[in-house]
Amino acid sequence: ETGPYKHLPGYDFIIQAMSGLMSITGDD
């Protein structure tokens, strides 16, 4: 409820992408 993204919708898939989780999951 604070910060510049507070009004953006957030689904799990989007959050996995933005949080860094997807960047460390999988391989080359």
PDB file of all heavy atoms in Angstrom:
ATOM      1  N   GLU A   1       0.806  -1.219   0.000  1.00  0.00           N
ATOM      2  CA  GLU A   1       0.000   0.000   0.000  1.00  0.00           C
ATOM      3  C   GLU A   1       0.838   1.268   0.000  1.00  0.00           C
ATOM      4  O   GLU A   1       0.300   2.374   0.154  1.00  0.00           O
ATOM      5  CB  GLU A   1      -0.962  -0.022   1.184  1.00  0.00           C
ATOM      6  CG  GLU A   1      -1.974  -1.155   1.089  1.00  0.00           C
ATOM      7  CD  GLU A   1      -3.145  -1.007   2.038  1.00  0.00           C
ATOM      8  OE1 GLU A   1      -3.155  -0.016   2.803  1.00  0.00           O
ATOM      9  OE2 GLU A   1      -4.037  -1.861   2.010  1.00  0.00           O
ATOM     10  N   THR A   2       2.140   1.140  -0.149  1.00  0.00           N
ATOM     11  CA  THR A   2       3.017   2.303  -0.277  1.00  0.00           C
ATOM     12  C   THR A   2       3.939   2.074  -1.479  1.00  0.00           C
ATOM     13  O   THR A   2       4.055   0.959  -1.982  1.00  0.00           O
ATOM     14  CB  THR A   2       3.870   2.510   0.990  1.00  0.00           C
ATOM     15  OG1 THR A   2       4.650   1.320   1.229  1.00  0.00           O
ATOM     16  CG2 THR A   2       2.993   2.784   2.203  1.00  0.00           C
ATOM     17  N   GLY A   3       4.620   3.149  -1.905  1.00  0.00           N
ATOM     18  CA  GLY A   3       5.571   3.016  -3.000  1.00  0.00           C
ATOM     19  C   GLY A   3       4.953   3.280  -4.355  1.00  0.00           C
ATOM     20  O   GLY A   3       3.722   3.297  -4.516  1.00  0.00           O
ATOM     21  N   PRO A   4       5.792   3.461  -5.369  1.00  0.00           N
ATOM     22  CA  PRO A   4       5.306   3.838  -6.703  1.00  0.00           C
ATOM     23  C   PRO A   4       4.500   2.760  -7.421  1.00  0.00           C
ATOM     24  O   PRO A   4       3.795   3.064  -8.382  1.00  0.00           O
ATOM     25  CB  PRO A   4       6.599   4.151  -7.465  1.00  0.00           C
ATOM     26  CG  PRO A   4       7.675   3.403  -6.738  1.00  0.00           C
ATOM     27  CD  PRO A   4       7.266   3.421  -5.306  1.00  0.00           C
ATOM     28  N   TYR A   5       4.586   1.502  -6.985  1.00  0.00           N
ATOM     29  CA  TYR A   5       3.850   0.418  -7.651  1.00  0.00           C
ATOM     30  C   TYR A   5       2.527   0.088  -6.949  1.00  0.00           C
ATOM     31  O   TYR A   5       1.863  -0.879  -7.316  1.00  0.00           O
ATOM     32  CB  TYR A   5       4.679  -0.865  -7.692  1.00  0.00           C
ATOM     33  CG  TYR A   5       5.987  -0.795  -8.436  1.00  0.00           C
ATOM     34  CD1 TYR A   5       6.935  -1.805  -8.294  1.00  0.00           C
ATOM     35  CD2 TYR A   5       6.297   0.272  -9.282  1.00  0.00           C
ATOM     36  CE1 TYR A   5       8.148  -1.767  -8.969  1.00  0.00           C
ATOM     37  CE2 TYR A   5       7.508   0.330  -9.955  1.00  0.00           C
ATOM     38  CZ  TYR A   5       8.432  -0.688  -9.791  1.00  0.00           C
ATOM     39  OH  TYR A   5       9.629  -0.635 -10.454  1.00  0.00           O
ATOM     40  N   LYS A   6       2.151   0.855  -5.934  1.00  0.00           N
ATOM     41  CA  LYS A   6       1.049   0.441  -5.057  1.00  0.00           C
ATOM     42  C   LYS A   6      -0.287   0.232  -5.776  1.00  0.00           C
ATOM     43  O   LYS A   6      -1.130  -0.534  -5.306  1.00  0.00           O
ATOM     44  CB  LYS A   6       0.881   1.435  -3.911  1.00  0.00           C
ATOM     45  CG  LYS A   6       0.449   2.828  -4.336  1.00  0.00           C
ATOM     46  CD  LYS A   6       0.359   3.742  -3.129  1.00  0.00           C
ATOM     47  CE  LYS A   6      -0.083   5.155  -3.535  1.00  0.00           C
ATOM     48  NZ  LYS A   6      -0.126   6.047  -2.349  1.00  0.00           N
ATOM     49  N   HIS A   7      -0.493   0.883  -6.901  1.00  0.00           N
ATOM     50  CA  HIS A   7      -1.771   0.743  -7.604  1.00  0.00           C
ATOM     51  C   HIS A   7      -1.726  -0.302  -8.721  1.00  0.00           C
ATOM     52  O   HIS A   7      -2.731  -0.536  -9.386  1.00  0.00           O
ATOM     53  CB  HIS A   7      -2.207   2.092  -8.175  1.00  0.00           C
ATOM     54  CG  HIS A   7      -2.582   3.094  -7.128  1.00  0.00           C
ATOM     55  ND1 HIS A   7      -3.620   2.890  -6.248  1.00  0.00           N
ATOM     56  CD2 HIS A   7      -2.037   4.294  -6.803  1.00  0.00           C
ATOM     57  CE1 HIS A   7      -3.719   3.918  -5.432  1.00  0.00           C
ATOM     58  NE2 HIS A   7      -2.768   4.783  -5.739  1.00  0.00           N
ATOM     59  N   LEU A   8      -0.567  -0.933  -8.925  1.00  0.00           N
ATOM     60  CA  LEU A   8      -0.465  -1.932  -9.988  1.00  0.00           C
ATOM     61  C   LEU A   8      -1.075  -3.260  -9.552  1.00  0.00           C
ATOM     62  O   LEU A   8      -0.916  -3.676  -8.400  1.00  0.00           O
ATOM     63  CB  LEU A   8       0.996  -2.158 -10.365  1.00  0.00           C
ATOM     64  CG  LEU A   8       1.750  -0.995 -11.008  1.00  0.00           C
ATOM     65  CD1 LEU A   8       3.203  -1.401 -11.275  1.00  0.00           C
ATOM     66  CD2 LEU A   8       1.068  -0.560 -12.306  1.00  0.00           C
ATOM     67  N   PRO A   9      -1.755  -3.961 -10.473  1.00  0.00           N
ATOM     68  CA  PRO A   9      -2.221  -5.316 -10.149  1.00  0.00           C
ATOM     69  C   PRO A   9      -1.029  -6.261 -10.113  1.00  0.00           C
ATOM     70  O   PRO A   9      -0.043  -6.059 -10.826  1.00  0.00           O
ATOM     71  CB  PRO A   9      -3.165  -5.651 -11.304  1.00  0.00           C
ATOM     72  CG  PRO A   9      -2.646  -4.840 -12.448  1.00  0.00           C
ATOM     73  CD  PRO A   9      -2.107  -3.562 -11.848  1.00  0.00           C
ATOM     74  N   GLY A  10      -1.110  -7.283  -9.298  1.00  0.00           N
ATOM     75  CA  GLY A  10       0.020  -8.210  -9.200  1.00  0.00           C
ATOM     76  C   GLY A  10      -0.415  -9.653  -9.089  1.00  0.00           C
ATOM     77  O   GLY A  10      -0.884 -10.074  -8.039  1.00  0.00           O
ATOM     78  N   TYR A  11      -0.280 -10.401 -10.171  1.00  0.00           N
ATOM     79  CA  TYR A  11      -0.523 -11.836 -10.135  1.00  0.00           C
ATOM     80  C   TYR A  11       0.799 -12.576  -9.883  1.00  0.00           C
ATOM     81  O   TYR A  11       1.882 -12.049 -10.163  1.00  0.00           O
ATOM     82  CB  TYR A  11      -1.128 -12.305 -11.455  1.00  0.00           C
ATOM     83  CG  TYR A  11      -2.635 -12.167 -11.519  1.00  0.00           C
ATOM     84  CD1 TYR A  11      -3.227 -10.958 -11.854  1.00  0.00           C
ATOM     85  CD2 TYR A  11      -3.467 -13.251 -11.239  1.00  0.00           C
ATOM     86  CE1 TYR A  11      -4.608 -10.826 -11.920  1.00  0.00           C
ATOM     87  CE2 TYR A  11      -4.848 -13.137 -11.305  1.00  0.00           C
ATOM     88  CZ  TYR A  11      -5.415 -11.922 -11.645  1.00  0.00           C
ATOM     89  OH  TYR A  11      -6.778 -11.801 -11.704  1.00  0.00           O
ATOM     90  N   ASP A  12       0.673 -13.781  -9.388  1.00  0.00           N
ATOM     91  CA  ASP A  12       1.854 -14.570  -9.017  1.00  0.00           C
ATOM     92  C   ASP A  12       2.901 -14.620 -10.130  1.00  0.00           C
ATOM     93  O   ASP A  12       4.089 -14.423  -9.876  1.00  0.00           O
ATOM     94  CB  ASP A  12       1.422 -15.994  -8.650  1.00  0.00           C
ATOM     95  CG  ASP A  12       2.601 -16.929  -8.443  1.00  0.00           C
ATOM     96  OD1 ASP A  12       3.106 -17.015  -7.317  1.00  0.00           O
ATOM     97  OD2 ASP A  12       3.029 -17.565  -9.436  1.00  0.00           O
ATOM     98  N   PHE A  13       2.492 -14.893 -11.357  1.00  0.00           N
ATOM     99  CA  PHE A  13       3.435 -15.035 -12.468  1.00  0.00           C
ATOM    100  C   PHE A  13       4.232 -13.735 -12.666  1.00  0.00           C
ATOM    101  O   PHE A  13       5.455 -13.748 -12.872  1.00  0.00           O
ATOM    102  CB  PHE A  13       2.651 -15.385 -13.734  1.00  0.00           C
ATOM    103  CG  PHE A  13       3.488 -15.969 -14.854  1.00  0.00           C
ATOM    104  CD1 PHE A  13       4.853 -16.176 -14.730  1.00  0.00           C
ATOM    105  CD2 PHE A  13       2.881 -16.310 -16.055  1.00  0.00           C
ATOM    106  CE1 PHE A  13       5.599 -16.714 -15.775  1.00  0.00           C
ATOM    107  CE2 PHE A  13       3.616 -16.843 -17.101  1.00  0.00           C
ATOM    108  CZ  PHE A  13       4.981 -17.035 -16.961  1.00  0.00           C
ATOM    109  N   ILE A  14       3.533 -12.591 -12.599  1.00  0.00           N
ATOM    110  CA  ILE A  14       4.200 -11.295 -12.726  1.00  0.00           C
ATOM    111  C   ILE A  14       5.212 -11.102 -11.596  1.00  0.00           C
ATOM    112  O   ILE A  14       6.342 -10.636 -11.816  1.00  0.00           O
ATOM    113  CB  ILE A  14       3.164 -10.155 -12.707  1.00  0.00           C
ATOM    114  CG1 ILE A  14       2.105 -10.337 -13.794  1.00  0.00           C
ATOM    115  CG2 ILE A  14       3.856  -8.797 -12.821  1.00  0.00           C
ATOM    116  CD1 ILE A  14       2.653 -10.377 -15.192  1.00  0.00           C
ATOM    117  N   ILE A  15       4.810 -11.486 -10.405  1.00  0.00           N
ATOM    118  CA  ILE A  15       5.683 -11.305  -9.240  1.00  0.00           C
ATOM    119  C   ILE A  15       6.902 -12.221  -9.332  1.00  0.00           C
ATOM    120  O   ILE A  15       8.028 -11.822  -8.992  1.00  0.00           O
ATOM    121  CB  ILE A  15       4.909 -11.562  -7.932  1.00  0.00           C
ATOM    122  CG1 ILE A  15       3.717 -10.604  -7.828  1.00  0.00           C
ATOM    123  CG2 ILE A  15       5.824 -11.428  -6.732  1.00  0.00           C
ATOM    124  CD1 ILE A  15       4.073  -9.144  -7.815  1.00  0.00           C
ATOM    125  N   GLN A  16       6.707 -13.464  -9.790  1.00  0.00           N
ATOM    126  CA  GLN A  16       7.860 -14.347  -9.972  1.00  0.00           C
ATOM    127  C   GLN A  16       8.857 -13.730 -10.950  1.00  0.00           C
ATOM    128  O   GLN A  16      10.073 -13.823 -10.765  1.00  0.00           O
ATOM    129  CB  GLN A  16       7.412 -15.720 -10.482  1.00  0.00           C
ATOM    130  CG  GLN A  16       6.720 -16.582  -9.434  1.00  0.00           C
ATOM    131  CD  GLN A  16       6.707 -18.055  -9.820  1.00  0.00           C
ATOM    132  OE1 GLN A  16       7.707 -18.590 -10.290  1.00  0.00           O
ATOM    133  NE2 GLN A  16       5.583 -18.719  -9.604  1.00  0.00           N
ATOM    134  N   ALA A  17       8.337 -13.076 -11.986  1.00  0.00           N
ATOM    135  CA  ALA A  17       9.214 -12.451 -12.973  1.00  0.00           C
ATOM    136  C   ALA A  17       9.977 -11.275 -12.370  1.00  0.00           C
ATOM    137  O   ALA A  17      11.206 -11.165 -12.510  1.00  0.00           O
ATOM    138  CB  ALA A  17       8.387 -11.977 -14.173  1.00  0.00           C
ATOM    139  N   MET A  18       9.266 -10.388 -11.678  1.00  0.00           N
ATOM    140  CA  MET A  18       9.872  -9.150 -11.197  1.00  0.00           C
ATOM    141  C   MET A  18      10.779  -9.347  -9.990  1.00  0.00           C
ATOM    142  O   MET A  18      11.724  -8.583  -9.775  1.00  0.00           O
ATOM    143  CB  MET A  18       8.779  -8.136 -10.859  1.00  0.00           C
ATOM    144  CG  MET A  18       8.000  -7.641 -12.060  1.00  0.00           C
ATOM    145  SD  MET A  18       6.734  -6.415 -11.639  1.00  0.00           S
ATOM    146  CE  MET A  18       7.760  -5.078 -11.012  1.00  0.00           C
ATOM    147  N   SER A  19      10.506 -10.368  -9.178  1.00  0.00           N
ATOM    148  CA  SER A  19      11.211 -10.543  -7.904  1.00  0.00           C
ATOM    149  C   SER A  19      12.607 -11.124  -8.043  1.00  0.00           C
ATOM    150  O   SER A  19      13.364 -11.152  -7.079  1.00  0.00           O
ATOM    151  CB  SER A  19      10.404 -11.466  -6.994  1.00  0.00           C
ATOM    152  OG  SER A  19      10.345 -12.776  -7.554  1.00  0.00           O
ATOM    153  N   GLY A  20      12.952 -11.627  -9.224  1.00  0.00           N
ATOM    154  CA  GLY A  20      14.234 -12.297  -9.400  1.00  0.00           C
ATOM    155  C   GLY A  20      14.131 -13.805  -9.358  1.00  0.00           C
ATOM    156  O   GLY A  20      15.077 -14.504  -9.741  1.00  0.00           O
ATOM    157  N   LEU A  21      12.984 -14.335  -8.912  1.00  0.00           N
ATOM    158  CA  LEU A  21      12.850 -15.789  -8.817  1.00  0.00           C
ATOM    159  C   LEU A  21      13.019 -16.463 -10.177  1.00  0.00           C
ATOM    160  O   LEU A  21      13.703 -17.482 -10.297  1.00  0.00           O
ATOM    161  CB  LEU A  21      11.493 -16.166  -8.220  1.00  0.00           C
ATOM    162  CG  LEU A  21      11.345 -16.020  -6.710  1.00  0.00           C
ATOM    163  CD1 LEU A  21       9.909 -16.293  -6.284  1.00  0.00           C
ATOM    164  CD2 LEU A  21      12.300 -16.957  -5.980  1.00  0.00           C
ATOM    165  N   MET A  22      12.416 -15.899 -11.211  1.00  0.00           N
ATOM    166  CA  MET A  22      12.533 -16.517 -12.530  1.00  0.00           C
ATOM    167  C   MET A  22      13.935 -16.384 -13.101  1.00  0.00           C
ATOM    168  O   MET A  22      14.382 -17.238 -13.873  1.00  0.00           O
ATOM    169  CB  MET A  22      11.508 -15.924 -13.500  1.00  0.00           C
ATOM    170  CG  MET A  22      10.087 -16.396 -13.233  1.00  0.00           C
ATOM    171  SD  MET A  22       8.871 -15.765 -14.415  1.00  0.00           S
ATOM    172  CE  MET A  22       9.438 -16.558 -15.925  1.00  0.00           C
ATOM    173  N   SER A  23      14.642 -15.333 -12.708  1.00  0.00           N
ATOM    174  CA  SER A  23      15.997 -15.131 -13.237  1.00  0.00           C
ATOM    175  C   SER A  23      16.972 -16.178 -12.726  1.00  0.00           C
ATOM    176  O   SER A  23      18.021 -16.395 -13.331  1.00  0.00           O
ATOM    177  CB  SER A  23      16.505 -13.738 -12.873  1.00  0.00           C
ATOM    178  OG  SER A  23      16.914 -13.662 -11.515  1.00  0.00           O
ATOM    179  N   ILE A  24      16.627 -16.842 -11.610  1.00  0.00           N
ATOM    180  CA  ILE A  24      17.528 -17.862 -11.043  1.00  0.00           C
ATOM    181  C   ILE A  24      16.953 -19.271 -11.193  1.00  0.00           C
ATOM    182  O   ILE A  24      17.522 -20.232 -10.672  1.00  0.00           O
ATOM    183  CB  ILE A  24      17.841 -17.581  -9.562  1.00  0.00           C
ATOM    184  CG1 ILE A  24      16.565 -17.571  -8.714  1.00  0.00           C
ATOM    185  CG2 ILE A  24      18.588 -16.262  -9.413  1.00  0.00           C
ATOM    186  CD1 ILE A  24      16.804 -17.479  -7.220  1.00  0.00           C
ATOM    187  N   THR A  25      15.819 -19.394 -11.894  1.00  0.00           N
ATOM    188  CA  THR A  25      15.181 -20.693 -12.079  1.00  0.00           C
ATOM    189  C   THR A  25      15.276 -21.099 -13.547  1.00  0.00           C
ATOM    190  O   THR A  25      14.993 -20.306 -14.435  1.00  0.00           O
ATOM    191  CB  THR A  25      13.710 -20.639 -11.644  1.00  0.00           C
ATOM    192  OG1 THR A  25      13.642 -20.167 -10.296  1.00  0.00           O
ATOM    193  CG2 THR A  25      13.068 -22.016 -11.731  1.00  0.00           C
ATOM    194  N   GLY A  26      15.669 -22.349 -13.784  1.00  0.00           N
ATOM    195  CA  GLY A  26      15.934 -22.819 -15.135  1.00  0.00           C
ATOM    196  C   GLY A  26      17.434 -22.879 -15.375  1.00  0.00           C
ATOM    197  O   GLY A  26      18.236 -22.809 -14.434  1.00  0.00           O
ATOM    198  N   ASP A  27      17.820 -23.032 -16.625  1.00  0.00           N
ATOM    199  CA  ASP A  27      19.238 -23.069 -16.959  1.00  0.00           C
ATOM    200  C   ASP A  27      19.471 -22.290 -18.245  1.00  0.00           C
ATOM    201  O   ASP A  27      18.565 -21.641 -18.767  1.00  0.00           O
ATOM    202  CB  ASP A  27      19.746 -24.512 -17.081  1.00  0.00           C
ATOM    203  CG  ASP A  27      18.927 -25.344 -18.066  1.00  0.00           C
ATOM    204  OD1 ASP A  27      18.397 -24.768 -19.043  1.00  0.00           O
ATOM    205  OD2 ASP A  27      18.825 -26.572 -17.874  1.00  0.00           O
ATOM    206  N   ASP A  28      20.685 -22.351 -18.777  1.00  0.00           N
ATOM    207  CA  ASP A  28      21.007 -21.575 -19.973  1.00  0.00           C
ATOM    208  C   ASP A  28      20.158 -21.984 -21.171  1.00  0.00           C
ATOM    209  O   ASP A  28      19.816 -21.162 -22.017  1.00  0.00           O
ATOM    210  CB  ASP A  28      22.495 -21.737 -20.319  1.00  0.00           C
ATOM    211  CG  ASP A  28      23.394 -21.026 -19.334  1.00  0.00           C
ATOM    212  OD1 ASP A  28      22.885 -20.125 -18.632  1.00  0.00           O
ATOM    213  OD2 ASP A  28      24.590 -21.368 -19.245  1.00  0.00           O
TER     214      ASP A  28
END
